[in-house]
Amino acid sequence: MNIYFSCSLTGGRSDQPIYAAIVDYLLGQGHVVPTAGLAHAGVMAEEAVIDPQIVYRRDIRWIDEAQAVIAEVSTPSHGVGYEIAYALCAGKPVLCCFRAGTGVSKMITGNTMPGLTVQAYADMADALRLVGDFILRTNRPGQ
């Protein structure tokens, strides 16, 4: 499955270890994750030199090509919010996961659009379980 993983870049990188764990889990399960590099520590230096229009066109193309979107939303990010809305409007299933106890925008938690799943996780193992469950639901025939 081609999965677009969305996470905070300029909004803050304190959750980077969970981003990397989710991406490593997805890759380990044989999924294609075009945004895999965005989950790892050195990405900020790489992304700093890329023209914003190139980033926009690249990321929109990746979302269009993806079968699903997984967004870690513990750290607020304008870009992540935009990607979630774009994916939902394109009919993509989206998982928004976040650390339990984190304040997440009510535009995410109150959203009732079809295809959106919003769930808190307690620890890294729980986050990976949520991701695995989402993929299983998304892969079911007719979904």
N, C-alpha and C. Protein backbone atom coordinates (compact mmCIF):
# COMPACT_ATOMS: atom_id res chain seq x y z
N MET A 1 0.85 -1.18 0.00
CA MET A 1 0.00 0.00 0.00
C MET A 1 0.90 1.24 0.00
N ASN A 2 0.51 2.26 -0.73
CA ASN A 2 1.22 3.53 -0.76
C ASN A 2 0.59 4.43 0.30
N ILE A 3 1.38 4.81 1.31
CA ILE A 3 0.86 5.57 2.44
C ILE A 3 1.64 6.87 2.59
N TYR A 4 0.91 7.97 2.58
CA TYR A 4 1.51 9.29 2.81
C TYR A 4 1.57 9.50 4.32
N PHE A 5 2.77 9.66 4.87
CA PHE A 5 2.92 9.94 6.29
C PHE A 5 3.15 11.43 6.46
N SER A 6 2.35 12.05 7.32
CA SER A 6 2.42 13.49 7.55
C SER A 6 2.83 13.75 9.00
N CYS A 7 3.79 14.68 9.16
CA CYS A 7 4.26 15.03 10.50
C CYS A 7 4.79 16.46 10.49
N SER A 8 4.91 17.02 11.66
CA SER A 8 5.38 18.40 11.79
C SER A 8 6.84 18.53 11.40
N LEU A 9 7.14 19.57 10.63
CA LEU A 9 8.52 19.93 10.33
C LEU A 9 8.83 21.25 11.00
N THR A 10 8.31 22.34 10.46
CA THR A 10 8.63 23.66 11.00
C THR A 10 7.89 23.96 12.31
N GLY A 11 6.83 23.23 12.60
CA GLY A 11 6.08 23.44 13.84
C GLY A 11 6.80 22.91 15.08
N GLY A 12 7.78 22.06 14.87
CA GLY A 12 8.55 21.48 15.97
C GLY A 12 8.84 20.02 15.70
N ARG A 13 9.97 19.55 16.20
CA ARG A 13 10.41 18.19 15.92
C ARG A 13 10.57 17.34 17.18
N SER A 14 9.95 17.74 18.28
CA SER A 14 10.12 16.98 19.52
C SER A 14 9.54 15.57 19.44
N ASP A 15 8.62 15.33 18.51
CA ASP A 15 8.02 14.01 18.36
C ASP A 15 8.70 13.18 17.27
N GLN A 16 9.86 13.62 16.81
CA GLN A 16 10.56 12.94 15.72
C GLN A 16 10.80 11.45 15.99
N PRO A 17 11.13 11.02 17.22
CA PRO A 17 11.33 9.57 17.42
C PRO A 17 10.08 8.74 17.11
N ILE A 18 8.90 9.26 17.44
CA ILE A 18 7.67 8.50 17.12
C ILE A 18 7.42 8.53 15.62
N TYR A 19 7.74 9.65 14.95
CA TYR A 19 7.59 9.71 13.50
C TYR A 19 8.44 8.61 12.86
N ALA A 20 9.69 8.53 13.29
CA ALA A 20 10.61 7.53 12.73
C ALA A 20 10.11 6.11 13.00
N ALA A 21 9.60 5.87 14.20
CA ALA A 21 9.10 4.53 14.55
C ALA A 21 7.92 4.14 13.67
N ILE A 22 7.00 5.08 13.42
CA ILE A 22 5.84 4.79 12.58
C ILE A 22 6.28 4.49 11.16
N VAL A 23 7.16 5.32 10.61
CA VAL A 23 7.63 5.11 9.25
C VAL A 23 8.40 3.79 9.15
N ASP A 24 9.27 3.51 10.11
CA ASP A 24 10.02 2.24 10.08
C ASP A 24 9.07 1.05 10.14
N TYR A 25 8.01 1.16 10.94
CA TYR A 25 7.01 0.10 11.03
C TYR A 25 6.34 -0.10 9.67
N LEU A 26 5.91 0.99 9.04
CA LEU A 26 5.24 0.91 7.74
C LEU A 26 6.16 0.28 6.69
N LEU A 27 7.39 0.74 6.64
CA LEU A 27 8.34 0.19 5.67
C LEU A 27 8.61 -1.29 5.95
N GLY A 28 8.71 -1.62 7.22
CA GLY A 28 8.94 -3.01 7.61
C GLY A 28 7.79 -3.94 7.23
N GLN A 29 6.60 -3.37 7.10
CA GLN A 29 5.42 -4.14 6.68
C GLN A 29 5.29 -4.19 5.15
N GLY A 30 6.25 -3.59 4.46
CA GLY A 30 6.26 -3.65 3.00
C GLY A 30 5.51 -2.52 2.30
N HIS A 31 5.11 -1.50 3.04
CA HIS A 31 4.38 -0.38 2.44
C HIS A 31 5.35 0.60 1.80
N VAL A 32 4.85 1.35 0.84
CA VAL A 32 5.60 2.43 0.21
C VAL A 32 5.24 3.71 0.96
N VAL A 33 6.26 4.44 1.41
CA VAL A 33 6.04 5.68 2.16
C VAL A 33 6.90 6.76 1.50
N PRO A 34 6.33 7.52 0.55
CA PRO A 34 7.15 8.50 -0.16
C PRO A 34 7.71 9.58 0.76
N THR A 35 7.09 9.81 1.88
CA THR A 35 7.55 10.84 2.83
C THR A 35 8.45 10.28 3.92
N ALA A 36 8.97 9.08 3.75
CA ALA A 36 9.77 8.44 4.80
C ALA A 36 10.90 9.34 5.30
N GLY A 37 11.55 10.04 4.41
CA GLY A 37 12.66 10.91 4.81
C GLY A 37 12.26 12.03 5.74
N LEU A 38 10.99 12.44 5.69
CA LEU A 38 10.53 13.54 6.54
C LEU A 38 10.42 13.15 8.00
N ALA A 39 10.45 11.86 8.29
CA ALA A 39 10.31 11.39 9.66
C ALA A 39 11.65 11.29 10.38
N HIS A 40 12.73 11.48 9.68
CA HIS A 40 14.05 11.27 10.29
C HIS A 40 14.74 12.58 10.65
N ALA A 41 15.70 12.48 11.51
CA ALA A 41 16.31 13.64 12.17
C ALA A 41 16.93 14.67 11.23
N GLY A 42 17.59 14.27 10.16
CA GLY A 42 18.31 15.21 9.31
C GLY A 42 17.49 15.95 8.29
N VAL A 43 16.19 15.82 8.32
CA VAL A 43 15.34 16.36 7.26
C VAL A 43 15.32 17.89 7.20
N MET A 44 15.48 18.55 8.30
CA MET A 44 15.33 20.02 8.30
C MET A 44 16.38 20.69 7.42
N ALA A 45 17.61 20.21 7.44
CA ALA A 45 18.65 20.79 6.58
C ALA A 45 18.32 20.57 5.11
N GLU A 46 17.81 19.38 4.78
CA GLU A 46 17.44 19.07 3.41
C GLU A 46 16.27 19.93 2.93
N GLU A 47 15.23 20.02 3.76
CA GLU A 47 14.02 20.75 3.38
C GLU A 47 14.25 22.27 3.32
N ALA A 48 15.23 22.77 4.05
CA ALA A 48 15.49 24.22 4.09
C ALA A 48 15.90 24.78 2.74
N VAL A 49 16.47 23.96 1.88
CA VAL A 49 16.97 24.47 0.59
C VAL A 49 16.03 24.20 -0.57
N ILE A 50 14.89 23.58 -0.32
CA ILE A 50 13.95 23.27 -1.40
C ILE A 50 12.94 24.41 -1.55
N ASP A 51 12.69 24.81 -2.78
CA ASP A 51 11.73 25.87 -3.08
C ASP A 51 10.34 25.46 -2.60
N PRO A 52 9.60 26.38 -1.93
CA PRO A 52 8.27 26.04 -1.42
C PRO A 52 7.30 25.52 -2.48
N GLN A 53 7.36 26.05 -3.70
CA GLN A 53 6.46 25.57 -4.75
C GLN A 53 6.77 24.14 -5.15
N ILE A 54 8.03 23.78 -5.11
CA ILE A 54 8.42 22.39 -5.40
C ILE A 54 7.89 21.47 -4.31
N VAL A 55 8.03 21.89 -3.05
CA VAL A 55 7.51 21.10 -1.93
C VAL A 55 6.00 20.90 -2.08
N TYR A 56 5.29 21.99 -2.36
CA TYR A 56 3.84 21.91 -2.50
C TYR A 56 3.45 20.92 -3.60
N ARG A 57 4.01 21.10 -4.79
CA ARG A 57 3.66 20.21 -5.91
C ARG A 57 4.05 18.76 -5.62
N ARG A 58 5.21 18.56 -5.03
CA ARG A 58 5.66 17.21 -4.69
C ARG A 58 4.71 16.55 -3.70
N ASP A 59 4.37 17.26 -2.64
CA ASP A 59 3.55 16.67 -1.58
C ASP A 59 2.12 16.42 -2.06
N ILE A 60 1.56 17.33 -2.83
CA ILE A 60 0.22 17.12 -3.38
C ILE A 60 0.22 15.90 -4.30
N ARG A 61 1.24 15.75 -5.13
CA ARG A 61 1.34 14.58 -6.00
C ARG A 61 1.43 13.30 -5.17
N TRP A 62 2.23 13.34 -4.10
CA TRP A 62 2.35 12.16 -3.24
C TRP A 62 1.02 11.80 -2.58
N ILE A 63 0.28 12.81 -2.13
CA ILE A 63 -1.05 12.53 -1.54
C ILE A 63 -1.98 11.95 -2.60
N ASP A 64 -1.98 12.54 -3.79
CA ASP A 64 -2.83 12.04 -4.88
C ASP A 64 -2.52 10.58 -5.21
N GLU A 65 -1.25 10.20 -5.15
CA GLU A 65 -0.84 8.84 -5.48
C GLU A 65 -1.05 7.85 -4.33
N ALA A 66 -1.20 8.36 -3.12
CA ALA A 66 -1.33 7.50 -1.94
C ALA A 66 -2.71 6.88 -1.85
N GLN A 67 -2.77 5.73 -1.20
CA GLN A 67 -4.04 5.07 -0.93
C GLN A 67 -4.60 5.48 0.43
N ALA A 68 -3.74 6.02 1.29
CA ALA A 68 -4.15 6.44 2.63
C ALA A 68 -3.14 7.44 3.17
N VAL A 69 -3.58 8.18 4.19
CA VAL A 69 -2.71 9.15 4.86
C VAL A 69 -2.70 8.84 6.35
N ILE A 70 -1.52 8.85 6.93
CA ILE A 70 -1.36 8.73 8.38
C ILE A 70 -0.66 9.99 8.83
N ALA A 71 -1.29 10.71 9.76
CA ALA A 71 -0.74 11.97 10.26
C ALA A 71 -0.55 11.87 11.78
N GLU A 72 0.65 12.17 12.23
CA GLU A 72 0.91 12.27 13.66
C GLU A 72 0.69 13.74 13.99
N VAL A 73 -0.31 14.05 14.82
CA VAL A 73 -0.76 15.43 15.01
C VAL A 73 -0.51 15.97 16.42
N SER A 74 0.40 15.38 17.17
CA SER A 74 0.68 15.87 18.52
C SER A 74 1.26 17.28 18.51
N THR A 75 2.09 17.58 17.52
CA THR A 75 2.69 18.91 17.38
C THR A 75 1.92 19.67 16.31
N PRO A 76 1.32 20.82 16.67
CA PRO A 76 0.54 21.58 15.69
C PRO A 76 1.39 21.97 14.48
N SER A 77 0.78 21.89 13.29
CA SER A 77 1.47 22.21 12.05
C SER A 77 0.45 22.64 11.00
N HIS A 78 0.66 23.82 10.41
CA HIS A 78 -0.22 24.27 9.34
C HIS A 78 -0.19 23.29 8.17
N GLY A 79 1.01 22.84 7.80
CA GLY A 79 1.15 21.94 6.66
C GLY A 79 0.43 20.63 6.87
N VAL A 80 0.56 20.05 8.06
CA VAL A 80 -0.12 18.78 8.35
C VAL A 80 -1.63 18.96 8.26
N GLY A 81 -2.14 20.04 8.84
CA GLY A 81 -3.57 20.31 8.76
C GLY A 81 -4.05 20.44 7.32
N TYR A 82 -3.27 21.13 6.50
CA TYR A 82 -3.62 21.28 5.09
C TYR A 82 -3.63 19.93 4.39
N GLU A 83 -2.61 19.11 4.65
CA GLU A 83 -2.53 17.80 4.02
C GLU A 83 -3.70 16.91 4.42
N ILE A 84 -4.10 16.97 5.68
CA ILE A 84 -5.25 16.18 6.15
C ILE A 84 -6.51 16.60 5.40
N ALA A 85 -6.76 17.91 5.34
CA ALA A 85 -7.97 18.41 4.67
C ALA A 85 -7.94 18.06 3.18
N TYR A 86 -6.80 18.23 2.54
CA TYR A 86 -6.68 17.91 1.12
C TYR A 86 -6.99 16.43 0.88
N ALA A 87 -6.39 15.56 1.71
CA ALA A 87 -6.58 14.12 1.55
C ALA A 87 -8.05 13.74 1.76
N LEU A 88 -8.69 14.30 2.77
CA LEU A 88 -10.10 13.99 3.03
C LEU A 88 -10.98 14.43 1.86
N CYS A 89 -10.71 15.62 1.34
CA CYS A 89 -11.50 16.11 0.21
C CYS A 89 -11.26 15.28 -1.05
N ALA A 90 -10.11 14.63 -1.11
CA ALA A 90 -9.80 13.74 -2.24
C ALA A 90 -10.33 12.32 -2.01
N GLY A 91 -11.01 12.10 -0.87
CA GLY A 91 -11.59 10.80 -0.58
C GLY A 91 -10.64 9.77 -0.01
N LYS A 92 -9.50 10.22 0.49
CA LYS A 92 -8.51 9.30 1.05
C LYS A 92 -8.85 9.00 2.51
N PRO A 93 -8.67 7.75 2.96
CA PRO A 93 -8.80 7.47 4.39
C PRO A 93 -7.61 8.10 5.13
N VAL A 94 -7.89 8.71 6.27
CA VAL A 94 -6.87 9.42 7.04
C VAL A 94 -6.92 8.99 8.50
N LEU A 95 -5.76 8.65 9.04
CA LEU A 95 -5.61 8.42 10.48
C LEU A 95 -4.85 9.58 11.06
N CYS A 96 -5.44 10.25 12.06
CA CYS A 96 -4.74 11.26 12.84
C CYS A 96 -4.49 10.65 14.21
N CYS A 97 -3.24 10.44 14.55
CA CYS A 97 -2.92 9.88 15.87
C CYS A 97 -2.10 10.90 16.65
N PHE A 98 -2.21 10.83 17.97
CA PHE A 98 -1.53 11.80 18.82
C PHE A 98 -1.32 11.21 20.20
N ARG A 99 -0.29 11.76 20.91
CA ARG A 99 -0.01 11.36 22.28
C ARG A 99 -1.20 11.67 23.17
N ALA A 100 -1.62 10.71 23.98
CA ALA A 100 -2.72 10.93 24.92
C ALA A 100 -2.39 12.11 25.81
N GLY A 101 -3.38 12.96 26.04
CA GLY A 101 -3.20 14.13 26.88
C GLY A 101 -2.75 15.37 26.13
N THR A 102 -2.45 15.22 24.83
CA THR A 102 -2.04 16.35 24.01
C THR A 102 -3.28 17.11 23.55
N GLY A 103 -3.20 18.42 23.58
CA GLY A 103 -4.29 19.25 23.06
C GLY A 103 -4.23 19.28 21.54
N VAL A 104 -5.23 18.70 20.90
CA VAL A 104 -5.28 18.66 19.44
C VAL A 104 -6.42 19.56 18.98
N SER A 105 -6.20 20.24 17.88
CA SER A 105 -7.18 21.17 17.33
C SER A 105 -8.57 20.54 17.23
N LYS A 106 -9.57 21.30 17.60
CA LYS A 106 -10.96 20.84 17.47
C LYS A 106 -11.38 20.71 16.02
N MET A 107 -10.63 21.33 15.10
CA MET A 107 -10.89 21.13 13.67
C MET A 107 -10.56 19.69 13.27
N ILE A 108 -9.70 19.04 14.05
CA ILE A 108 -9.39 17.62 13.83
C ILE A 108 -10.32 16.76 14.67
N THR A 109 -10.36 17.01 15.97
CA THR A 109 -11.13 16.13 16.86
C THR A 109 -12.64 16.24 16.65
N GLY A 110 -13.10 17.36 16.13
CA GLY A 110 -14.53 17.54 15.90
C GLY A 110 -14.98 17.21 14.48
N ASN A 111 -14.05 16.82 13.64
CA ASN A 111 -14.34 16.56 12.24
C ASN A 111 -15.07 15.23 12.09
N THR A 112 -16.20 15.24 11.39
CA THR A 112 -16.99 14.02 11.19
C THR A 112 -16.98 13.56 9.72
N MET A 113 -16.02 14.05 8.94
CA MET A 113 -15.97 13.63 7.52
C MET A 113 -15.74 12.13 7.42
N PRO A 114 -16.40 11.50 6.46
CA PRO A 114 -16.15 10.07 6.25
C PRO A 114 -14.68 9.83 5.93
N GLY A 115 -14.16 8.75 6.45
CA GLY A 115 -12.78 8.38 6.17
C GLY A 115 -11.78 8.85 7.20
N LEU A 116 -12.21 9.71 8.12
CA LEU A 116 -11.27 10.22 9.13
C LEU A 116 -11.36 9.40 10.41
N THR A 117 -10.19 8.97 10.90
CA THR A 117 -10.07 8.31 12.19
C THR A 117 -9.13 9.15 13.04
N VAL A 118 -9.55 9.50 14.25
CA VAL A 118 -8.74 10.29 15.17
C VAL A 118 -8.59 9.48 16.45
N GLN A 119 -7.34 9.16 16.83
CA GLN A 119 -7.13 8.33 18.01
C GLN A 119 -5.88 8.75 18.76
N ALA A 120 -5.98 8.70 20.10
CA ALA A 120 -4.83 8.95 20.97
C ALA A 120 -4.11 7.63 21.24
N TYR A 121 -2.82 7.74 21.49
CA TYR A 121 -2.03 6.57 21.87
C TYR A 121 -1.30 6.85 23.17
N ALA A 122 -1.04 5.78 23.94
CA ALA A 122 -0.39 5.91 25.24
C ALA A 122 1.13 5.88 25.15
N ASP A 123 1.65 5.08 24.23
CA ASP A 123 3.10 4.93 24.08
C ASP A 123 3.38 4.47 22.66
N MET A 124 4.66 4.26 22.37
CA MET A 124 5.04 3.91 21.00
C MET A 124 4.38 2.61 20.54
N ALA A 125 4.34 1.61 21.39
CA ALA A 125 3.71 0.33 21.02
C ALA A 125 2.24 0.54 20.69
N ASP A 126 1.57 1.37 21.46
CA ASP A 126 0.16 1.66 21.22
C ASP A 126 -0.02 2.41 19.90
N ALA A 127 0.89 3.35 19.60
CA ALA A 127 0.82 4.08 18.33
C ALA A 127 0.95 3.12 17.15
N LEU A 128 1.88 2.18 17.25
CA LEU A 128 2.08 1.23 16.16
C LEU A 128 0.88 0.30 16.01
N ARG A 129 0.24 -0.04 17.13
CA ARG A 129 -0.97 -0.85 17.07
C ARG A 129 -2.08 -0.09 16.34
N LEU A 130 -2.25 1.22 16.66
CA LEU A 130 -3.26 2.04 15.98
C LEU A 130 -3.01 2.08 14.48
N VAL A 131 -1.76 2.26 14.11
CA VAL A 131 -1.39 2.31 12.70
C VAL A 131 -1.71 0.98 12.02
N GLY A 132 -1.33 -0.11 12.66
CA GLY A 132 -1.61 -1.44 12.10
C GLY A 132 -3.10 -1.69 11.94
N ASP A 133 -3.89 -1.32 12.94
CA ASP A 133 -5.34 -1.49 12.88
C ASP A 133 -5.95 -0.66 11.75
N PHE A 134 -5.47 0.58 11.60
CA PHE A 134 -5.95 1.45 10.53
C PHE A 134 -5.67 0.84 9.16
N ILE A 135 -4.48 0.32 8.99
CA ILE A 135 -4.12 -0.29 7.71
C ILE A 135 -4.99 -1.50 7.41
N LEU A 136 -5.23 -2.32 8.42
CA LEU A 136 -6.10 -3.48 8.23
C LEU A 136 -7.50 -3.06 7.80
N ARG A 137 -8.06 -2.04 8.47
CA ARG A 137 -9.40 -1.55 8.10
C ARG A 137 -9.41 -0.97 6.70
N THR A 138 -8.35 -0.26 6.36
CA THR A 138 -8.26 0.40 5.05
C THR A 138 -8.10 -0.60 3.92
N ASN A 139 -7.43 -1.70 4.20
CA ASN A 139 -7.17 -2.73 3.19
C ASN A 139 -8.32 -3.67 2.94
N ARG A 140 -9.37 -3.60 3.76
CA ARG A 140 -10.51 -4.50 3.57
C ARG A 140 -11.17 -4.22 2.23
N PRO A 141 -11.61 -5.27 1.54
CA PRO A 141 -12.31 -5.05 0.26
C PRO A 141 -13.53 -4.15 0.45
N GLY A 142 -13.71 -3.27 -0.49
CA GLY A 142 -14.87 -2.38 -0.45
C GLY A 142 -14.63 -1.13 0.39
N GLN A 143 -13.41 -0.97 0.90
CA GLN A 143 -13.13 0.22 1.72
C GLN A 143 -12.20 1.15 1.01
